[in-house]
């Protein structure tokens, strides 16, 4: 917790502080010896599942929907271009053999979900850009893991068309399973009242983990499955949603902390000296050449302004995920795997220090700040199973346009009504002429058939005021 505070005050990426903690208590620090790469890989995968679940739960469908084609291109075609360019640099410039170069190219071509989610939520970018970057970071782990495993296998590397077929099949299986489990889980949670509100966050995370397990057991992409299942759950307006988001965010922080500290503990700093220069060279090619070229190729079919292409090129943030993936060749005992791990570790540290802190500055220089919007309502829902209804509760934020609207002007659908208002620590039953104010807490009762329509109307009024329908402000 102290490290989070230090990070927020100093501007240093949280990743580096946690890695530093791991290094400080490791072999070259306090002296704790830890070299179990296999355990690190297992726990790293588990942490990545939680981080992808938290990212999917916090991603709004209406923001990433317009950017899905571009995100899909970035996470497939873009990854392929980035792997090729980076591997060529590793082979011809640094002198690595082709297997080592391809492994490094694949490992570092995945943008880190934790880094992207944490940075983008602080940078007010246009929704299309934010959606593209979030969806890309959620999607590209799947093909990269498949490539790293294929390159790390003993024996000759499969032809490119065989690998392409395997990647396509695994992604398709993972997508189908993730969407199916997410939909079934959302349907169940919306229609079955659990005995305690605290069970809903646990159930949501459990469903996300089941999606990963289902995808992996079916020989599909478990990472894509967990992200898509969480995306469906996060946009399904589940009961007790604010509590669920808080719980998932806490688990995400715990996963990041544990993963970063463990990776810092695994590395041996005095062995890094010989690999600093190769890491800087490979990282420079990745950042200045491979990522921009992959963005140009991937966005060619779309009309993307040059400013947005420039930001997409610089926003290919790396974090702990490449370091976790670098343990795959170590566990597989690939020749030179120790050097691969050290190069990736140094590369991530150096370019995290450069890219993360400068991204907000670049967004400002490119004039890509997102527009100010009215604050959305944090509506919490509790199902009334026996009464076939729902309780919707929320507070009116300071920036909400619901301030000044009369109860009658909400125009809720028949079957929904505002039953109670808490204002200045006093509660009362409102009249149709009661004027809503900032800070009011409202309790709305809605029958099961109109629950979604009532919530949509409330969100629309919160964004557009009493003329929300006329102004085209939807509640999606």
Protein backbone atom coordinates (compact mmCIF):
# COMPACT_ATOMS: atom_id res chain seq x y z
CA UNK A 1 0.00 0.00 0.00
CA UNK A 2 2.86 2.33 0.77
CA UNK A 3 4.37 1.55 -2.63
CA UNK A 4 1.13 2.57 -4.36
CA UNK A 5 1.24 5.87 -2.49
CA UNK A 6 4.90 6.46 -3.35
CA UNK A 7 4.15 5.65 -7.00
CA UNK A 8 1.26 8.10 -7.21
CA UNK A 9 3.28 10.90 -5.57
CA UNK A 10 6.56 10.35 -7.44
CA UNK A 11 5.16 9.57 -10.88
CA UNK A 12 7.20 6.37 -11.13
CA UNK A 13 5.37 3.39 -12.66
CA UNK A 14 4.07 1.09 -9.93
CA UNK A 15 5.58 -1.85 -11.80
CA UNK A 16 9.13 -0.67 -11.14
CA UNK A 17 8.56 -0.17 -7.42
CA UNK A 18 7.25 -3.70 -6.98
CA UNK A 19 10.03 -5.16 -9.10
CA UNK A 20 12.45 -3.17 -6.94
CA UNK A 21 10.93 -4.67 -3.79
CA UNK A 22 11.46 -8.15 -5.23
CA UNK A 23 15.06 -7.38 -6.20
CA UNK A 24 15.74 -5.84 -2.75
CA UNK A 25 14.70 -8.97 -0.88
CA UNK A 26 16.32 -11.30 -3.43
CA UNK A 27 19.71 -12.90 -3.75
CA UNK A 28 21.61 -9.64 -4.30
CA UNK A 29 19.64 -7.83 -1.59
CA UNK A 30 18.53 -9.30 1.72
CA UNK A 31 19.61 -12.68 0.45
CA UNK A 32 16.46 -14.71 -0.18
CA UNK A 33 17.32 -17.22 -2.89
CA UNK A 34 14.50 -18.00 -5.32
CA UNK A 35 15.02 -19.57 -8.75
CA UNK A 36 11.84 -21.58 -9.35
CA UNK A 37 10.89 -20.42 -12.85
CA UNK A 38 8.11 -23.01 -13.15
CA UNK A 39 6.33 -21.78 -10.00
CA UNK A 40 6.77 -18.20 -11.21
CA UNK A 41 5.18 -19.10 -14.52
CA UNK A 42 2.18 -20.81 -12.87
CA UNK A 43 1.56 -17.92 -10.47
CA UNK A 44 2.16 -15.42 -13.28
CA UNK A 45 -0.49 -17.12 -15.41
CA UNK A 46 -2.90 -17.03 -12.47
CA UNK A 47 -2.20 -13.34 -11.92
CA UNK A 48 -2.68 -12.62 -15.62
CA UNK A 49 -6.08 -14.35 -15.53
CA UNK A 50 -7.17 -12.06 -12.66
CA UNK A 51 -5.76 -8.94 -14.37
CA UNK A 52 -7.52 -9.75 -17.65
CA UNK A 53 -10.74 -10.44 -15.73
CA UNK A 54 -10.51 -7.09 -13.94
CA UNK A 55 -9.77 -5.32 -17.21
CA UNK A 56 -12.71 -6.96 -18.98
CA UNK A 57 -15.09 -6.15 -16.13
CA UNK A 58 -14.08 -2.49 -16.29
CA UNK A 59 -14.28 -2.12 -20.08
CA UNK A 60 -17.42 -0.50 -21.46
CA UNK A 61 -18.81 -2.22 -24.53
CA UNK A 62 -19.98 1.01 -26.17
CA UNK A 63 -16.40 2.34 -26.02
CA UNK A 64 -14.63 -0.65 -27.57
CA UNK A 65 -17.36 -1.66 -30.04
CA UNK A 66 -16.35 0.90 -32.72
CA UNK A 67 -12.69 -0.02 -32.23
CA UNK A 68 -13.03 -3.82 -32.33
CA UNK A 69 -11.93 -4.31 -35.99
CA UNK A 70 -8.85 -2.14 -35.45
CA UNK A 71 -8.05 -3.84 -32.12
CA UNK A 72 -8.37 -7.27 -33.77
CA UNK A 73 -5.96 -6.18 -36.51
CA UNK A 74 -3.46 -4.80 -33.99
CA UNK A 75 -3.55 -7.99 -31.90
CA UNK A 76 -3.05 -10.34 -34.87
CA UNK A 77 -1.50 -8.69 -37.93
CA UNK A 78 0.24 -6.11 -35.75
CA UNK A 79 1.72 -8.81 -33.51
CA UNK A 80 3.00 -10.74 -36.54
CA UNK A 81 4.71 -7.64 -37.98
CA UNK A 82 6.19 -6.70 -34.62
CA UNK A 83 7.54 -10.22 -34.05
CA UNK A 84 9.18 -10.29 -37.47
CA UNK A 85 10.84 -6.86 -37.23
CA UNK A 86 12.02 -7.34 -33.63
CA UNK A 87 13.33 -10.85 -34.30
CA UNK A 88 15.27 -9.60 -37.33
CA UNK A 89 16.89 -6.93 -35.17
CA UNK A 90 17.74 -9.48 -32.49
CA UNK A 91 19.38 -11.76 -35.06
CA UNK A 92 21.22 -9.31 -37.32
CA UNK A 93 22.04 -6.50 -34.87
CA UNK A 94 22.47 -8.26 -31.51
CA UNK A 95 23.69 -11.60 -32.90
CA UNK A 96 21.13 -13.95 -31.36
CA UNK A 97 20.31 -17.18 -33.15
CA UNK A 98 16.94 -17.26 -34.90
CA UNK A 99 15.11 -19.27 -32.21
CA UNK A 100 16.21 -16.91 -29.44
CA UNK A 101 15.41 -13.88 -31.61
CA UNK A 102 11.93 -15.17 -32.46
CA UNK A 103 11.19 -15.92 -28.80
CA UNK A 104 12.22 -12.41 -27.74
CA UNK A 105 10.26 -10.89 -30.63
CA UNK A 106 7.12 -12.78 -29.60
CA UNK A 107 7.54 -12.12 -25.88
CA UNK A 108 7.89 -8.35 -26.16
CA UNK A 109 5.25 -7.90 -28.88
CA UNK A 110 2.39 -8.24 -26.40
CA UNK A 111 1.19 -5.03 -24.78
CA UNK A 112 0.70 -5.48 -21.05
CA UNK A 113 -2.93 -5.43 -19.91
CA UNK A 114 -2.15 -4.20 -16.39
CA UNK A 115 0.02 -1.34 -17.65
CA UNK A 116 -2.43 -0.28 -20.35
CA UNK A 117 -5.51 -0.43 -18.09
CA UNK A 118 -3.81 1.54 -15.29
CA UNK A 119 -2.34 4.26 -17.54
CA UNK A 120 -5.33 4.76 -19.84
CA UNK A 121 -7.71 5.32 -16.95
CA UNK A 122 -5.59 8.33 -15.98
CA UNK A 123 -5.20 9.73 -19.51
CA UNK A 124 -8.35 11.37 -20.96
CA UNK A 125 -8.10 10.02 -24.51
CA UNK A 126 -10.89 9.82 -27.11
CA UNK A 127 -13.08 6.77 -26.57
CA UNK A 128 -12.10 5.17 -29.86
CA UNK A 129 -8.40 5.23 -28.96
CA UNK A 130 -8.98 4.03 -25.40
CA UNK A 131 -11.22 1.25 -26.65
CA UNK A 132 -8.70 0.14 -29.28
CA UNK A 133 -5.80 0.03 -26.80
CA UNK A 134 -7.78 -1.75 -24.08
CA UNK A 135 -9.19 -4.33 -26.48
CA UNK A 136 -5.76 -4.87 -28.06
CA UNK A 137 -4.14 -5.51 -24.68
CA UNK A 138 -6.95 -7.92 -23.80
CA UNK A 139 -6.74 -9.78 -27.12
CA UNK A 140 -3.03 -9.97 -27.96
CA UNK A 141 -1.90 -12.10 -25.01
CA UNK A 142 -3.60 -15.11 -26.59
CA UNK A 143 -1.71 -15.27 -29.94
CA UNK A 144 1.57 -14.28 -28.28
CA UNK A 145 1.39 -17.12 -25.75
CA UNK A 146 0.77 -19.58 -28.61
CA UNK A 147 3.78 -18.22 -30.53
CA UNK A 148 6.13 -18.31 -27.52
CA UNK A 149 5.14 -21.90 -26.70
CA UNK A 150 5.64 -22.91 -30.34
CA UNK A 151 9.07 -21.23 -30.59
CA UNK A 152 10.15 -22.76 -27.25
CA UNK A 153 9.27 -26.33 -28.21
CA UNK A 154 12.14 -28.74 -28.85
CA UNK A 155 12.68 -29.74 -32.44
CA UNK A 156 12.12 -27.75 -35.64
CA UNK A 157 9.66 -24.85 -35.62
CA UNK A 158 6.40 -25.55 -37.44
CA UNK A 159 5.83 -23.86 -40.83
CA UNK A 160 4.09 -20.49 -40.63
CA UNK A 161 0.83 -21.74 -42.16
CA UNK A 162 0.57 -24.52 -39.56
CA UNK A 163 1.09 -22.00 -36.74
CA UNK A 164 -1.45 -19.66 -38.34
CA UNK A 165 -4.03 -22.45 -38.43
CA UNK A 166 -3.35 -23.39 -34.80
CA UNK A 167 -3.62 -19.78 -33.64
CA UNK A 168 -6.89 -19.27 -35.55
CA UNK A 169 -8.40 -22.46 -34.13
CA UNK A 170 -7.36 -21.72 -30.54
CA UNK A 171 -8.65 -18.16 -30.73
CA UNK A 172 -11.98 -19.33 -32.18
CA UNK A 173 -12.44 -21.97 -29.45
CA UNK A 174 -11.50 -19.49 -26.73
CA UNK A 175 -13.87 -16.85 -28.09
CA UNK A 176 -16.86 -19.21 -28.29
CA UNK A 177 -16.29 -20.60 -24.79
CA UNK A 178 -15.67 -17.19 -23.26
CA UNK A 179 -18.79 -15.63 -24.76
CA UNK A 180 -20.94 -18.64 -23.85
CA UNK A 181 -19.78 -18.82 -20.22
CA UNK A 182 -20.04 -15.05 -19.83
CA UNK A 183 -23.61 -15.02 -21.15
CA UNK A 184 -24.71 -17.99 -19.03
CA UNK A 185 -23.10 -16.52 -15.93
CA UNK A 186 -24.69 -13.11 -16.45
CA UNK A 187 -28.10 -14.68 -17.05
CA UNK A 188 -27.85 -16.72 -13.88
CA UNK A 189 -26.69 -13.84 -11.67
CA UNK A 190 -29.42 -11.54 -12.97
CA UNK A 191 -32.23 -14.01 -12.30
CA UNK A 192 -31.16 -15.86 -9.14
CA UNK A 193 -30.94 -14.00 -5.83
CA UNK A 194 -27.94 -15.16 -3.79
CA UNK A 195 -28.38 -15.22 0.02
CA UNK A 196 -25.75 -12.49 0.63
CA UNK A 197 -24.62 -9.51 -1.42
CA UNK A 198 -20.97 -10.39 -0.71
CA UNK A 199 -21.35 -13.57 -2.76
CA UNK A 200 -21.91 -11.71 -6.04
CA UNK A 201 -18.31 -10.46 -6.43
CA UNK A 202 -16.98 -13.94 -5.65
CA UNK A 203 -19.39 -15.49 -8.16
CA UNK A 204 -18.36 -13.07 -10.92
CA UNK A 205 -14.63 -13.74 -10.46
CA UNK A 206 -15.32 -17.49 -10.23
CA UNK A 207 -17.19 -17.40 -13.56
CA UNK A 208 -14.23 -15.60 -15.16
CA UNK A 209 -11.81 -18.25 -13.86
CA UNK A 210 -14.13 -21.02 -15.12
CA UNK A 211 -14.00 -19.38 -18.57
CA UNK A 212 -10.20 -19.58 -18.55
CA UNK A 213 -10.30 -23.20 -17.40
CA UNK A 214 -12.92 -24.12 -20.02
CA UNK A 215 -10.94 -22.51 -22.82
CA UNK A 216 -7.69 -24.19 -21.75
CA UNK A 217 -9.27 -27.64 -21.31
CA UNK A 218 -10.83 -27.40 -24.79
CA UNK A 219 -7.36 -26.64 -26.24
CA UNK A 220 -8.42 -23.08 -26.97
CA UNK A 221 -7.12 -19.74 -25.75
CA UNK A 222 -7.98 -19.48 -22.06
CA UNK A 223 -6.74 -15.88 -21.95
CA UNK A 224 -9.12 -14.77 -24.69
CA UNK A 225 -11.93 -16.73 -23.02
CA UNK A 226 -11.48 -15.04 -19.64
CA UNK A 227 -11.30 -11.56 -21.19
CA UNK A 228 -14.43 -12.02 -23.32
CA UNK A 229 -16.39 -13.64 -20.47
CA UNK A 230 -15.45 -10.74 -18.18
CA UNK A 231 -16.38 -8.25 -20.90
CA UNK A 232 -19.85 -9.82 -21.15
CA UNK A 233 -20.26 -9.85 -17.35
CA UNK A 234 -19.04 -6.29 -17.02
CA UNK A 235 -21.69 -4.99 -19.41
CA UNK A 236 -24.60 -7.10 -18.17
CA UNK A 237 -25.71 -4.73 -15.36
CA UNK A 238 -25.39 -7.35 -12.67
CA UNK A 239 -26.72 -7.00 -9.11
CA UNK A 240 -24.48 -5.21 -6.58
CA UNK A 241 -22.20 -4.07 -9.37
CA UNK A 242 -20.23 -1.34 -7.49
CA UNK A 243 -19.23 -3.90 -4.85
CA UNK A 244 -18.22 -6.36 -7.56
CA UNK A 245 -16.05 -3.78 -9.34
CA UNK A 246 -14.35 -2.83 -6.08
CA UNK A 247 -13.66 -6.47 -5.27
CA UNK A 248 -12.26 -7.18 -8.75
CA UNK A 249 -10.09 -4.07 -8.63
CA UNK A 250 -8.66 -5.17 -5.27
CA UNK A 251 -7.91 -8.63 -6.65
CA UNK A 252 -6.27 -7.02 -9.70
CA UNK A 253 -3.98 -4.97 -7.46
CA UNK A 254 -3.12 -8.06 -5.41
CA UNK A 255 -2.30 -10.01 -8.57
CA UNK A 256 -0.06 -7.22 -9.89
CA UNK A 257 1.76 -6.82 -6.58
CA UNK A 258 2.39 -10.53 -6.17
CA UNK A 259 3.45 -11.02 -9.79
CA UNK A 260 5.85 -8.06 -9.88
CA UNK A 261 7.49 -8.86 -6.56
CA UNK A 262 7.91 -12.51 -7.55
CA UNK A 263 9.51 -11.56 -10.88
CA UNK A 264 11.88 -9.17 -9.11
CA UNK A 265 12.78 -11.99 -6.72
CA UNK A 266 13.47 -14.38 -9.60
CA UNK A 267 16.00 -12.16 -11.37
CA UNK A 268 19.67 -12.00 -10.33
CA UNK A 269 20.83 -8.38 -10.84
CA UNK A 270 24.59 -9.06 -11.08
CA UNK A 271 23.92 -11.29 -14.12
CA UNK A 272 22.21 -8.48 -16.05
CA UNK A 273 25.28 -6.38 -16.92
CA UNK A 274 26.18 -8.24 -20.13
CA UNK A 275 22.61 -8.03 -21.43
CA UNK A 276 21.92 -4.33 -20.88
CA UNK A 277 23.17 -3.20 -24.31
CA UNK A 278 21.33 -5.93 -26.28
CA UNK A 279 18.14 -5.13 -24.34
CA UNK A 280 18.44 -1.40 -25.13
CA UNK A 281 19.02 -2.09 -28.84
CA UNK A 282 16.15 -4.57 -29.17
CA UNK A 283 13.85 -2.25 -27.20
CA UNK A 284 14.81 0.72 -29.38
CA UNK A 285 13.97 -1.21 -32.55
CA UNK A 286 10.73 -2.43 -30.97
CA UNK A 287 9.65 1.06 -29.89
CA UNK A 288 10.85 3.16 -32.82
CA UNK A 289 10.46 0.73 -35.74
CA UNK A 290 8.48 -2.44 -35.01
CA UNK A 291 5.56 -0.92 -33.12
CA UNK A 292 5.05 2.04 -35.53
CA UNK A 293 5.27 -0.26 -38.58
CA UNK A 294 2.80 -2.72 -37.02
CA UNK A 295 0.41 0.17 -36.32
CA UNK A 296 0.71 1.51 -39.88
CA UNK A 297 0.06 -1.92 -41.39
CA UNK A 298 -2.81 -2.78 -39.02
CA UNK A 299 -4.60 0.54 -39.39
CA UNK A 300 -4.17 0.74 -43.18
CA UNK A 301 -7.78 -0.42 -43.88
CA UNK A 302 -9.17 2.15 -41.44
CA UNK A 303 -9.29 5.91 -41.60
CA UNK A 304 -7.06 6.80 -38.66
CA UNK A 305 -5.57 10.33 -38.43
CA UNK A 306 -1.80 10.53 -38.15
CA UNK A 307 -2.01 11.92 -34.61
CA UNK A 308 -3.90 8.84 -33.44
CA UNK A 309 -1.44 6.56 -35.24
CA UNK A 310 1.42 8.33 -33.45
CA UNK A 311 -0.19 7.81 -30.07
CA UNK A 312 -1.02 4.17 -30.83
CA UNK A 313 2.62 3.66 -31.77
CA UNK A 314 3.89 5.09 -28.48
CA UNK A 315 1.21 3.46 -26.32
CA UNK A 316 2.46 -0.10 -26.83
CA UNK A 317 3.20 -0.40 -23.13
CA UNK A 318 5.10 -3.38 -21.77
CA UNK A 319 4.93 -4.65 -18.20
CA UNK A 320 5.14 -7.86 -16.24
CA UNK A 321 3.44 -10.00 -18.93
CA UNK A 322 6.53 -10.16 -21.20
CA UNK A 323 8.65 -11.15 -18.18
CA UNK A 324 6.16 -13.90 -17.28
CA UNK A 325 6.20 -15.14 -20.89
CA UNK A 326 10.00 -15.14 -20.79
CA UNK A 327 9.80 -17.91 -18.18
CA UNK A 328 8.29 -20.27 -20.81
CA UNK A 329 11.65 -20.93 -22.55
CA UNK A 330 13.34 -21.14 -19.14
CA UNK A 331 10.94 -23.87 -18.02
CA UNK A 332 11.30 -25.56 -21.43
CA UNK A 333 15.12 -25.49 -21.04
CA UNK A 334 15.65 -23.74 -24.36
CA UNK A 335 19.37 -23.06 -24.96
CA UNK A 336 20.16 -19.47 -23.99
CA UNK A 337 16.87 -19.06 -22.11
CA UNK A 338 18.64 -17.33 -19.20
CA UNK A 339 19.91 -14.63 -21.55
CA UNK A 340 16.43 -14.28 -23.08
CA UNK A 341 14.93 -13.69 -19.62
CA UNK A 342 17.57 -11.10 -18.70
CA UNK A 343 17.19 -9.18 -21.98
CA UNK A 344 13.40 -9.05 -21.59
CA UNK A 345 13.69 -7.97 -17.94
CA UNK A 346 16.05 -5.07 -18.71
CA UNK A 347 14.02 -4.05 -21.78
CA UNK A 348 10.79 -3.84 -19.78
CA UNK A 349 12.37 -1.75 -17.02
CA UNK A 350 14.09 0.72 -19.36
CA UNK A 351 11.15 1.34 -21.68
CA UNK A 352 8.55 1.37 -18.91
CA UNK A 353 10.51 4.27 -17.42
CA UNK A 354 10.42 6.04 -20.78
CA UNK A 355 6.97 5.28 -22.24
CA UNK A 356 4.59 5.26 -19.27
CA UNK A 357 5.38 8.72 -17.82
CA UNK A 358 5.60 10.38 -21.26
CA UNK A 359 2.30 9.06 -22.63
CA UNK A 360 0.12 11.79 -21.01
CA UNK A 361 2.57 14.45 -22.25
CA UNK A 362 2.42 13.07 -25.79
CA UNK A 363 -1.38 12.94 -25.73
CA UNK A 364 -1.41 16.61 -24.75
CA UNK A 365 1.10 17.58 -27.45
CA UNK A 366 -0.94 15.73 -30.07
CA UNK A 367 -4.13 17.43 -28.82
CA UNK A 368 -5.86 14.14 -28.23
CA UNK A 369 -7.46 14.87 -24.88
CA UNK A 370 -10.95 13.41 -24.55
CA UNK A 371 -13.98 15.68 -24.08
CA UNK A 372 -15.44 16.35 -20.66
CA UNK A 373 -18.57 14.31 -20.00
CA UNK A 374 -21.27 14.27 -17.39
CA UNK A 375 -20.54 11.79 -14.61
CA UNK A 376 -22.28 8.45 -15.04
CA UNK A 377 -24.57 7.05 -12.36
CA UNK A 378 -23.20 4.18 -10.29
CA UNK A 379 -26.44 2.22 -10.11
CA UNK A 380 -26.47 -0.76 -7.75
CA UNK A 381 -29.10 -3.44 -8.26
CA UNK A 382 -30.43 -6.07 -5.87
CA UNK A 383 -32.88 -8.70 -7.21
CA UNK A 384 -36.13 -9.37 -5.33
CA UNK A 385 -36.54 -12.95 -6.47
CA UNK A 386 -39.85 -13.79 -4.81
CA UNK A 387 -41.42 -10.43 -5.70
CA UNK A 388 -40.09 -10.56 -9.28
CA UNK A 389 -38.62 -7.12 -8.99
CA UNK A 390 -35.40 -5.21 -8.47
CA UNK A 391 -34.18 -2.50 -6.12
CA UNK A 392 -32.02 0.10 -7.88
CA UNK A 393 -30.05 2.44 -5.66
CA UNK A 394 -27.64 5.23 -6.64
CA UNK A 395 -26.33 8.66 -5.65
CA UNK A 396 -26.42 11.68 -7.94
CA UNK A 397 -22.77 12.73 -8.64
CA UNK A 398 -21.62 16.34 -8.58
CA UNK A 399 -21.29 16.53 -12.38
CA UNK A 400 -24.54 14.73 -13.18
CA UNK A 401 -27.17 16.50 -15.28
CA UNK A 402 -29.88 14.89 -13.17
CA UNK A 403 -29.45 17.85 -10.81
CA UNK A 404 -32.50 20.10 -11.14
CA UNK A 405 -34.74 17.45 -12.74
CA UNK A 406 -38.15 16.79 -11.19
CA UNK A 407 -39.23 13.24 -10.35
CA UNK A 408 -42.02 13.43 -12.94
CA UNK A 409 -39.51 14.51 -15.59
CA UNK A 410 -37.56 11.28 -15.18
CA UNK A 411 -40.35 9.61 -17.22
CA UNK A 412 -39.56 6.14 -15.93
CA UNK A 413 -41.36 3.28 -17.70
CA UNK A 414 -44.62 1.96 -16.15
CA UNK A 415 -43.67 -0.53 -13.46
CA UNK A 416 -40.78 1.56 -12.09
CA UNK A 417 -40.96 4.33 -9.50
CA UNK A 418 -38.71 6.37 -7.19
CA UNK A 419 -39.83 5.24 -3.73
CA UNK A 420 -37.36 6.97 -1.40
CA UNK A 421 -34.85 9.83 -1.38
CA UNK A 422 -32.14 10.42 1.23
CA UNK A 423 -31.05 14.06 1.42
CA UNK A 424 -28.94 15.67 4.13
CA UNK A 425 -29.20 12.49 6.25
CA UNK A 426 -33.01 12.64 6.14
CA UNK A 427 -35.21 10.28 4.09
CA UNK A 428 -38.59 11.04 2.55
CA UNK A 429 -41.01 9.73 -0.07
CA UNK A 430 -40.86 12.07 -3.07
CA UNK A 431 -43.71 13.71 -4.96
CA UNK A 432 -43.79 14.04 -8.76
CA UNK A 433 -42.77 17.68 -8.31
CA UNK A 434 -39.77 16.95 -6.05
CA UNK A 435 -36.60 18.44 -7.56
CA UNK A 436 -33.51 16.25 -7.44
CA UNK A 437 -30.21 17.64 -6.19
CA UNK A 438 -26.55 16.69 -6.27
CA UNK A 439 -25.73 14.19 -3.55
CA UNK A 440 -29.27 12.80 -3.31
CA UNK A 441 -29.49 9.05 -2.79
CA UNK A 442 -32.40 7.45 -4.62
CA UNK A 443 -34.12 4.10 -4.22
CA UNK A 444 -36.02 2.91 -7.30
CA UNK A 445 -38.26 -0.16 -7.39
CA UNK A 446 -38.73 -1.78 -10.81
CA UNK A 447 -40.56 -4.89 -11.91
CA UNK A 448 -38.49 -7.52 -13.68
CA UNK A 449 -39.68 -6.76 -17.27
CA UNK A 450 -38.82 -3.03 -17.10
CA UNK A 451 -35.65 -3.20 -15.01
CA UNK A 452 -33.28 -2.64 -17.95
CA UNK A 453 -35.44 0.12 -19.45
CA UNK A 454 -35.58 1.93 -16.10
CA UNK A 455 -31.81 1.81 -15.63
CA UNK A 456 -31.23 2.94 -19.21
CA UNK A 457 -33.56 5.91 -18.73
CA UNK A 458 -31.88 6.90 -15.44
CA UNK A 459 -28.45 6.84 -17.06
CA UNK A 460 -29.74 8.86 -20.02
CA UNK A 461 -31.12 11.58 -17.74
CA UNK A 462 -27.85 11.57 -15.79
CA UNK A 463 -25.96 12.33 -19.00
CA UNK A 464 -28.40 14.58 -20.84
CA UNK A 465 -30.78 16.06 -18.25
CA UNK A 466 -34.52 16.30 -18.71
CA UNK A 467 -34.14 16.58 -22.51
CA UNK A 468 -32.02 13.44 -22.75
CA UNK A 469 -34.23 11.74 -25.34
CA UNK A 470 -34.43 14.82 -27.54
CA UNK A 471 -30.69 15.43 -27.31
CA UNK A 472 -29.91 11.89 -28.42
CA UNK A 473 -28.22 11.00 -25.14
CA UNK A 474 -28.73 7.27 -24.70
CA UNK A 475 -28.36 5.28 -21.54
CA UNK A 476 -26.22 2.51 -22.98
